[in-house]
């Protein structure tokens, strides 16, 4: 009986070893394959995704952007960039017109626009020289760089659905938040909506409570940060 027991144990042990080896072979052929696929992704495609993630973020917050090639010529842009250049009094219908408009915008300001960088051009007031802030090494796509045009007169708004999901706002509270983010005063909003001051103040108090803010300026600043979200 002892011999039979030892034989049974040996068989069971042999099956365990076979199954263990089979599992090891399966693991060796499965996981490295996935890692290899990621590492062998063409560099251009990965860099393009990096570029698109940044321009997509700028698009969501309503910021204009221009993508420049190694010769500092515009090769890609969005509608907000075109509108910003046009507000400066320049044509902005083509890539060459946008390139010329950008050159005139920063003509009196030292700029670099280095390959692989993100540069913020902050436009304070119409006719004033902009402020240029550089971030080096943000993108690296075939020598391109991104120029973000931040016009202080261009106010952006958060996605209404995102506000409701994040803070549990009602429809009325969401609309009030968006009006406040645009710079409208509560009493002005009350008049335009034909509502009483008490109603607007009640909705504003609810907004403060749900967003954990205490002042209108704090709430507006929070809404500005959230505008980057999809």
C-alpha atoms as a PDB file:
ATOM      1  CA  UNK A   1       0.000   0.000   0.000  1.00  0.00           C
ATOM      2  CA  UNK A   2       2.871   2.296   0.828  1.00  0.00           C
ATOM      3  CA  UNK A   3       4.379   1.677  -2.595  1.00  0.00           C
ATOM      4  CA  UNK A   4       1.054   2.455  -4.243  1.00  0.00           C
ATOM      5  CA  UNK A   5       0.727   5.609  -2.164  1.00  0.00           C
ATOM      6  CA  UNK A   6       4.198   6.776  -3.105  1.00  0.00           C
ATOM      7  CA  UNK A   7       3.487   5.997  -6.766  1.00  0.00           C
ATOM      8  CA  UNK A   8       0.262   7.997  -6.593  1.00  0.00           C
ATOM      9  CA  UNK A   9       2.075  10.917  -5.000  1.00  0.00           C
ATOM     10  CA  UNK A  10       4.742  10.768  -7.664  1.00  0.00           C
ATOM     11  CA  UNK A  11       2.132  10.806 -10.426  1.00  0.00           C
ATOM     12  CA  UNK A  12       0.300  13.706  -8.804  1.00  0.00           C
ATOM     13  CA  UNK A  13       3.583  15.511  -8.345  1.00  0.00           C
ATOM     14  CA  UNK A  14       4.469  14.894 -11.947  1.00  0.00           C
ATOM     15  CA  UNK A  15       1.130  16.313 -13.072  1.00  0.00           C
ATOM     16  CA  UNK A  16       1.723  19.383 -10.896  1.00  0.00           C
ATOM     17  CA  UNK A  17       5.133  19.920 -12.464  1.00  0.00           C
ATOM     18  CA  UNK A  18       3.693  19.509 -15.977  1.00  0.00           C
ATOM     19  CA  UNK A  19       0.903  21.984 -15.249  1.00  0.00           C
ATOM     20  CA  UNK A  20       3.329  24.397 -13.603  1.00  0.00           C
ATOM     21  CA  UNK A  21       5.670  24.281 -16.587  1.00  0.00           C
ATOM     22  CA  UNK A  22       2.765  24.717 -18.996  1.00  0.00           C
ATOM     23  CA  UNK A  23       1.565  27.764 -17.045  1.00  0.00           C
ATOM     24  CA  UNK A  24       5.083  29.187 -17.041  1.00  0.00           C
ATOM     25  CA  UNK A  25       5.369  28.731 -20.805  1.00  0.00           C
ATOM     26  CA  UNK A  26       1.982  30.401 -21.299  1.00  0.00           C
ATOM     27  CA  UNK A  27       3.022  33.333 -19.086  1.00  0.00           C
ATOM     28  CA  UNK A  28       6.287  33.709 -20.958  1.00  0.00           C
ATOM     29  CA  UNK A  29       4.519  33.886 -24.288  1.00  0.00           C
ATOM     30  CA  UNK A  30       1.672  36.176 -23.195  1.00  0.00           C
ATOM     31  CA  UNK A  31       3.022  39.038 -21.086  1.00  0.00           C
ATOM     32  CA  UNK A  32       6.285  39.787 -22.904  1.00  0.00           C
ATOM     33  CA  UNK A  33       4.318  39.985 -26.155  1.00  0.00           C
ATOM     34  CA  UNK A  34       2.185  42.830 -24.769  1.00  0.00           C
ATOM     35  CA  UNK A  35       5.250  44.666 -23.470  1.00  0.00           C
ATOM     36  CA  UNK A  36       6.988  44.251 -26.808  1.00  0.00           C
ATOM     37  CA  UNK A  37       4.012  45.705 -28.644  1.00  0.00           C
ATOM     38  CA  UNK A  38       4.162  48.869 -26.533  1.00  0.00           C
ATOM     39  CA  UNK A  39       7.916  49.268 -26.809  1.00  0.00           C
ATOM     40  CA  UNK A  40       7.911  48.743 -30.562  1.00  0.00           C
ATOM     41  CA  UNK A  41       5.326  51.462 -31.178  1.00  0.00           C
ATOM     42  CA  UNK A  42       6.730  53.950 -33.696  1.00  0.00           C
ATOM     43  CA  UNK A  43       8.175  56.992 -31.968  1.00  0.00           C
ATOM     44  CA  UNK A  44       6.318  59.333 -34.308  1.00  0.00           C
ATOM     45  CA  UNK A  45       2.946  57.879 -33.333  1.00  0.00           C
ATOM     46  CA  UNK A  46       3.709  58.168 -29.609  1.00  0.00           C
ATOM     47  CA  UNK A  47       4.902  61.755 -30.026  1.00  0.00           C
ATOM     48  CA  UNK A  48       1.820  62.592 -32.034  1.00  0.00           C
ATOM     49  CA  UNK A  49      -0.380  61.349 -29.207  1.00  0.00           C
ATOM     50  CA  UNK A  50       1.583  63.539 -26.790  1.00  0.00           C
ATOM     51  CA  UNK A  51       1.055  66.543 -29.058  1.00  0.00           C
ATOM     52  CA  UNK A  52      -2.663  65.816 -29.404  1.00  0.00           C
ATOM     53  CA  UNK A  53      -3.116  65.433 -25.653  1.00  0.00           C
ATOM     54  CA  UNK A  54      -1.740  68.944 -25.099  1.00  0.00           C
ATOM     55  CA  UNK A  55      -3.662  70.580 -27.932  1.00  0.00           C
ATOM     56  CA  UNK A  56      -6.796  68.723 -26.821  1.00  0.00           C
ATOM     57  CA  UNK A  57      -6.401  70.141 -23.322  1.00  0.00           C
ATOM     58  CA  UNK A  58      -5.937  73.648 -24.726  1.00  0.00           C
ATOM     59  CA  UNK A  59      -9.035  73.174 -26.873  1.00  0.00           C
ATOM     60  CA  UNK A  60     -11.138  72.124 -23.858  1.00  0.00           C
ATOM     61  CA  UNK A  61     -10.244  75.239 -21.887  1.00  0.00           C
ATOM     62  CA  UNK A  62     -10.970  77.438 -24.891  1.00  0.00           C
ATOM     63  CA  UNK A  63      -7.354  78.459 -25.366  1.00  0.00           C
ATOM     64  CA  UNK A  64      -6.008  79.173 -28.825  1.00  0.00           C
ATOM     65  CA  UNK A  65      -3.052  77.163 -30.007  1.00  0.00           C
ATOM     66  CA  UNK A  66      -0.705  77.202 -32.978  1.00  0.00           C
ATOM     67  CA  UNK A  67       1.593  74.318 -33.898  1.00  0.00           C
ATOM     68  CA  UNK A  68       4.797  75.555 -35.524  1.00  0.00           C
ATOM     69  CA  UNK A  69       7.247  73.536 -37.570  1.00  0.00           C
ATOM     70  CA  UNK A  70      11.038  73.805 -37.261  1.00  0.00           C
ATOM     71  CA  UNK A  71      10.936  76.946 -39.438  1.00  0.00           C
ATOM     72  CA  UNK A  72       8.446  78.595 -37.050  1.00  0.00           C
ATOM     73  CA  UNK A  73       5.653  78.471 -39.594  1.00  0.00           C
ATOM     74  CA  UNK A  74       2.115  77.595 -38.534  1.00  0.00           C
ATOM     75  CA  UNK A  75       1.052  74.117 -39.638  1.00  0.00           C
ATOM     76  CA  UNK A  76      -1.918  73.532 -37.317  1.00  0.00           C
ATOM     77  CA  UNK A  77      -4.301  75.713 -35.314  1.00  0.00           C
ATOM     78  CA  UNK A  78      -7.746  75.853 -33.731  1.00  0.00           C
ATOM     79  CA  UNK A  79     -10.675  78.256 -34.010  1.00  0.00           C
ATOM     80  CA  UNK A  80      -9.779  80.057 -30.759  1.00  0.00           C
ATOM     81  CA  UNK A  81      -6.319  80.903 -32.118  1.00  0.00           C
ATOM     82  CA  UNK A  82      -7.795  82.268 -35.305  1.00  0.00           C
ATOM     83  CA  UNK A  83     -10.266  84.418 -33.329  1.00  0.00           C
ATOM     84  CA  UNK A  84      -7.454  85.702 -31.073  1.00  0.00           C
ATOM     85  CA  UNK A  85      -5.287  86.744 -34.026  1.00  0.00           C
ATOM     86  CA  UNK A  86      -8.269  88.397 -35.693  1.00  0.00           C
ATOM     87  CA  UNK A  87      -8.983  90.416 -32.526  1.00  0.00           C
ATOM     88  CA  UNK A  88      -5.495  91.876 -32.917  1.00  0.00           C
ATOM     89  CA  UNK A  89      -6.564  93.248 -36.307  1.00  0.00           C
ATOM     90  CA  UNK A  90      -4.861  90.632 -38.495  1.00  0.00           C
ATOM     91  CA  UNK A  91      -6.246  88.226 -41.060  1.00  0.00           C
ATOM     92  CA  UNK A  92      -6.252  84.614 -39.899  1.00  0.00           C
ATOM     93  CA  UNK A  93      -7.808  82.504 -42.609  1.00  0.00           C
ATOM     94  CA  UNK A  94      -4.698  80.635 -43.752  1.00  0.00           C
ATOM     95  CA  UNK A  95      -1.545  79.192 -42.227  1.00  0.00           C
ATOM     96  CA  UNK A  96       0.592  81.932 -43.777  1.00  0.00           C
ATOM     97  CA  UNK A  97      -1.742  84.648 -42.447  1.00  0.00           C
ATOM     98  CA  UNK A  98      -1.622  83.120 -38.958  1.00  0.00           C
ATOM     99  CA  UNK A  99       2.182  82.966 -39.118  1.00  0.00           C
ATOM    100  CA  UNK A 100       2.324  86.640 -40.063  1.00  0.00           C
ATOM    101  CA  UNK A 101      -0.179  87.549 -37.353  1.00  0.00           C
ATOM    102  CA  UNK A 102       1.860  85.715 -34.717  1.00  0.00           C
ATOM    103  CA  UNK A 103       5.058  87.485 -35.802  1.00  0.00           C
ATOM    104  CA  UNK A 104       3.370  90.877 -35.461  1.00  0.00           C
ATOM    105  CA  UNK A 105       1.882  89.910 -32.091  1.00  0.00           C
ATOM    106  CA  UNK A 106       5.287  89.123 -30.565  1.00  0.00           C
ATOM    107  CA  UNK A 107       7.337  91.581 -32.649  1.00  0.00           C
ATOM    108  CA  UNK A 108       8.419  93.635 -29.608  1.00  0.00           C
ATOM    109  CA  UNK A 109       8.839  90.723 -27.204  1.00  0.00           C
ATOM    110  CA  UNK A 110      11.844  88.366 -26.982  1.00  0.00           C
ATOM    111  CA  UNK A 111      10.638  84.892 -27.911  1.00  0.00           C
ATOM    112  CA  UNK A 112      12.292  81.517 -28.466  1.00  0.00           C
ATOM    113  CA  UNK A 113       9.669  78.994 -29.681  1.00  0.00           C
ATOM    114  CA  UNK A 114      12.219  76.198 -29.368  1.00  0.00           C
ATOM    115  CA  UNK A 115      11.542  72.795 -30.955  1.00  0.00           C
ATOM    116  CA  UNK A 116       9.727  70.497 -28.558  1.00  0.00           C
ATOM    117  CA  UNK A 117       8.526  73.343 -26.330  1.00  0.00           C
ATOM    118  CA  UNK A 118       5.233  74.831 -25.210  1.00  0.00           C
ATOM    119  CA  UNK A 119       5.115  78.640 -25.128  1.00  0.00           C
ATOM    120  CA  UNK A 120       2.319  80.623 -23.511  1.00  0.00           C
ATOM    121  CA  UNK A 121       1.586  83.989 -25.099  1.00  0.00           C
ATOM    122  CA  UNK A 122      -0.540  85.898 -22.573  1.00  0.00           C
ATOM    123  CA  UNK A 123      -2.415  88.808 -24.136  1.00  0.00           C
ATOM    124  CA  UNK A 124      -3.254  91.320 -21.426  1.00  0.00           C
ATOM    125  CA  UNK A 125      -5.041  94.133 -23.267  1.00  0.00           C
ATOM    126  CA  UNK A 126      -5.537  95.017 -26.902  1.00  0.00           C
ATOM    127  CA  UNK A 127      -2.480  96.913 -28.131  1.00  0.00           C
ATOM    128  CA  UNK A 128      -0.232  95.927 -25.204  1.00  0.00           C
ATOM    129  CA  UNK A 129       2.808  93.725 -25.624  1.00  0.00           C
ATOM    130  CA  UNK A 130       2.024  90.150 -24.591  1.00  0.00           C
ATOM    131  CA  UNK A 131       3.875  88.218 -21.899  1.00  0.00           C
ATOM    132  CA  UNK A 132       5.605  85.070 -23.162  1.00  0.00           C
ATOM    133  CA  UNK A 133       6.257  82.118 -20.832  1.00  0.00           C
ATOM    134  CA  UNK A 134       8.230  79.117 -22.089  1.00  0.00           C
ATOM    135  CA  UNK A 135       8.031  75.484 -21.013  1.00  0.00           C
ATOM    136  CA  UNK A 136      10.946  73.506 -22.419  1.00  0.00           C
ATOM    137  CA  UNK A 137      10.721  69.858 -23.418  1.00  0.00           C
ATOM    138  CA  UNK A 138       6.965  69.418 -23.226  1.00  0.00           C
ATOM    139  CA  UNK A 139       6.499  67.961 -26.696  1.00  0.00           C
ATOM    140  CA  UNK A 140       8.924  66.487 -29.192  1.00  0.00           C
ATOM    141  CA  UNK A 141       7.313  65.818 -32.523  1.00  0.00           C
ATOM    142  CA  UNK A 142       9.480  66.264 -35.595  1.00  0.00           C
ATOM    143  CA  UNK A 143      10.865  69.556 -34.334  1.00  0.00           C
ATOM    144  CA  UNK A 144       7.457  71.126 -33.808  1.00  0.00           C
ATOM    145  CA  UNK A 145       6.431  73.352 -30.923  1.00  0.00           C
ATOM    146  CA  UNK A 146       3.126  74.628 -29.547  1.00  0.00           C
ATOM    147  CA  UNK A 147       2.249  78.276 -28.991  1.00  0.00           C
ATOM    148  CA  UNK A 148      -0.736  78.703 -26.654  1.00  0.00           C
ATOM    149  CA  UNK A 149      -2.558  82.027 -27.056  1.00  0.00           C
ATOM    150  CA  UNK A 150      -4.154  83.018 -23.762  1.00  0.00           C
ATOM    151  CA  UNK A 151      -6.390  86.046 -24.240  1.00  0.00           C
ATOM    152  CA  UNK A 152      -7.537  87.411 -20.894  1.00  0.00           C
ATOM    153  CA  UNK A 153     -10.682  88.770 -22.516  1.00  0.00           C
ATOM    154  CA  UNK A 154     -11.656  85.299 -23.677  1.00  0.00           C
ATOM    155  CA  UNK A 155     -13.496  83.648 -20.783  1.00  0.00           C
ATOM    156  CA  UNK A 156     -13.992  79.901 -20.875  1.00  0.00           C
ATOM    157  CA  UNK A 157     -16.624  77.796 -19.164  1.00  0.00           C
ATOM    158  CA  UNK A 158     -16.633  74.349 -17.658  1.00  0.00           C
ATOM    159  CA  UNK A 159     -18.626  71.511 -19.186  1.00  0.00           C
ATOM    160  CA  UNK A 160     -22.143  71.661 -17.608  1.00  0.00           C
ATOM    161  CA  UNK A 161     -22.386  67.868 -17.382  1.00  0.00           C
ATOM    162  CA  UNK A 162     -19.010  67.720 -15.629  1.00  0.00           C
ATOM    163  CA  UNK A 163     -20.157  70.293 -13.065  1.00  0.00           C
ATOM    164  CA  UNK A 164     -23.312  68.351 -12.324  1.00  0.00           C
ATOM    165  CA  UNK A 165     -21.443  65.061 -11.940  1.00  0.00           C
ATOM    166  CA  UNK A 166     -18.705  66.500  -9.730  1.00  0.00           C
ATOM    167  CA  UNK A 167     -20.838  68.544  -7.343  1.00  0.00           C
ATOM    168  CA  UNK A 168     -24.394  67.240  -7.753  1.00  0.00           C
ATOM    169  CA  UNK A 169     -25.687  70.588  -8.999  1.00  0.00           C
ATOM    170  CA  UNK A 170     -29.212  71.144 -10.186  1.00  0.00           C
ATOM    171  CA  UNK A 171     -29.831  72.519 -13.660  1.00  0.00           C
ATOM    172  CA  UNK A 172     -30.542  75.996 -12.261  1.00  0.00           C
ATOM    173  CA  UNK A 173     -27.387  75.939 -10.128  1.00  0.00           C
ATOM    174  CA  UNK A 174     -25.318  74.828 -13.119  1.00  0.00           C
ATOM    175  CA  UNK A 175     -26.594  77.678 -15.286  1.00  0.00           C
ATOM    176  CA  UNK A 176     -25.910  80.135 -12.479  1.00  0.00           C
ATOM    177  CA  UNK A 177     -22.366  78.826 -12.096  1.00  0.00           C
ATOM    178  CA  UNK A 178     -21.712  79.256 -15.813  1.00  0.00           C
ATOM    179  CA  UNK A 179     -23.021  82.833 -15.776  1.00  0.00           C
ATOM    180  CA  UNK A 180     -20.834  83.667 -12.784  1.00  0.00           C
ATOM    181  CA  UNK A 181     -17.812  82.179 -14.569  1.00  0.00           C
ATOM    182  CA  UNK A 182     -18.488  84.571 -17.456  1.00  0.00           C
ATOM    183  CA  UNK A 183     -18.213  87.514 -15.064  1.00  0.00           C
ATOM    184  CA  UNK A 184     -21.911  88.300 -14.624  1.00  0.00           C
ATOM    185  CA  UNK A 185     -23.055  89.675 -11.270  1.00  0.00           C
ATOM    186  CA  UNK A 186     -25.799  87.842  -9.313  1.00  0.00           C
ATOM    187  CA  UNK A 187     -28.205  90.807  -9.452  1.00  0.00           C
ATOM    188  CA  UNK A 188     -27.658  91.155 -13.195  1.00  0.00           C
ATOM    189  CA  UNK A 189     -28.440  87.459 -13.591  1.00  0.00           C
ATOM    190  CA  UNK A 190     -31.593  87.848 -11.506  1.00  0.00           C
ATOM    191  CA  UNK A 191     -32.852  90.648 -13.733  1.00  0.00           C
ATOM    192  CA  UNK A 192     -32.087  88.814 -16.986  1.00  0.00           C
ATOM    193  CA  UNK A 193     -33.835  85.652 -15.737  1.00  0.00           C
ATOM    194  CA  UNK A 194     -36.727  87.600 -14.181  1.00  0.00           C
ATOM    195  CA  UNK A 195     -36.040  86.029 -10.800  1.00  0.00           C
ATOM    196  CA  UNK A 196     -36.015  87.589  -7.351  1.00  0.00           C
ATOM    197  CA  UNK A 197     -32.813  88.427  -5.535  1.00  0.00           C
ATOM    198  CA  UNK A 198     -33.804  85.950  -2.843  1.00  0.00           C
ATOM    199  CA  UNK A 199     -33.967  83.089  -5.366  1.00  0.00           C
ATOM    200  CA  UNK A 200     -30.544  83.882  -6.834  1.00  0.00           C
ATOM    201  CA  UNK A 201     -29.014  84.289  -3.386  1.00  0.00           C
ATOM    202  CA  UNK A 202     -30.486  80.937  -2.337  1.00  0.00           C
ATOM    203  CA  UNK A 203     -29.038  79.229  -5.417  1.00  0.00           C
ATOM    204  CA  UNK A 204     -25.680  80.936  -4.821  1.00  0.00           C
ATOM    205  CA  UNK A 205     -25.621  79.739  -1.203  1.00  0.00           C
ATOM    206  CA  UNK A 206     -26.321  76.208  -2.417  1.00  0.00           C
ATOM    207  CA  UNK A 207     -23.463  76.536  -4.932  1.00  0.00           C
ATOM    208  CA  UNK A 208     -21.076  77.599  -2.174  1.00  0.00           C
ATOM    209  CA  UNK A 209     -22.111  74.659  -0.008  1.00  0.00           C
ATOM    210  CA  UNK A 210     -21.845  72.025  -2.750  1.00  0.00           C
ATOM    211  CA  UNK A 211     -18.518  73.294  -4.106  1.00  0.00           C
ATOM    212  CA  UNK A 212     -17.121  74.007  -0.614  1.00  0.00           C
ATOM    213  CA  UNK A 213     -16.338  77.606  -1.481  1.00  0.00           C
ATOM    214  CA  UNK A 214     -17.126  80.710   0.549  1.00  0.00           C
ATOM    215  CA  UNK A 215     -16.855  83.638  -1.858  1.00  0.00           C
ATOM    216  CA  UNK A 216     -17.843  84.311  -5.445  1.00  0.00           C
ATOM    217  CA  UNK A 217     -14.212  84.906  -6.472  1.00  0.00           C
ATOM    218  CA  UNK A 218     -13.218  81.540  -4.989  1.00  0.00           C
ATOM    219  CA  UNK A 219     -16.066  79.822  -6.837  1.00  0.00           C
ATOM    220  CA  UNK A 220     -15.125  81.455 -10.154  1.00  0.00           C
ATOM    221  CA  UNK A 221     -11.491  80.416  -9.702  1.00  0.00           C
ATOM    222  CA  UNK A 222     -12.601  76.836  -9.074  1.00  0.00           C
ATOM    223  CA  UNK A 223     -14.781  76.855 -12.186  1.00  0.00           C
ATOM    224  CA  UNK A 224     -11.825  78.116 -14.211  1.00  0.00           C
ATOM    225  CA  UNK A 225      -9.675  75.208 -13.077  1.00  0.00           C
ATOM    226  CA  UNK A 226     -12.421  72.708 -13.849  1.00  0.00           C
ATOM    227  CA  UNK A 227     -12.811  74.043 -17.384  1.00  0.00           C
ATOM    228  CA  UNK A 228      -9.830  71.915 -18.387  1.00  0.00           C
ATOM    229  CA  UNK A 229     -11.852  68.747 -17.790  1.00  0.00           C
ATOM    230  CA  UNK A 230     -13.802  67.096 -20.640  1.00  0.00           C
END
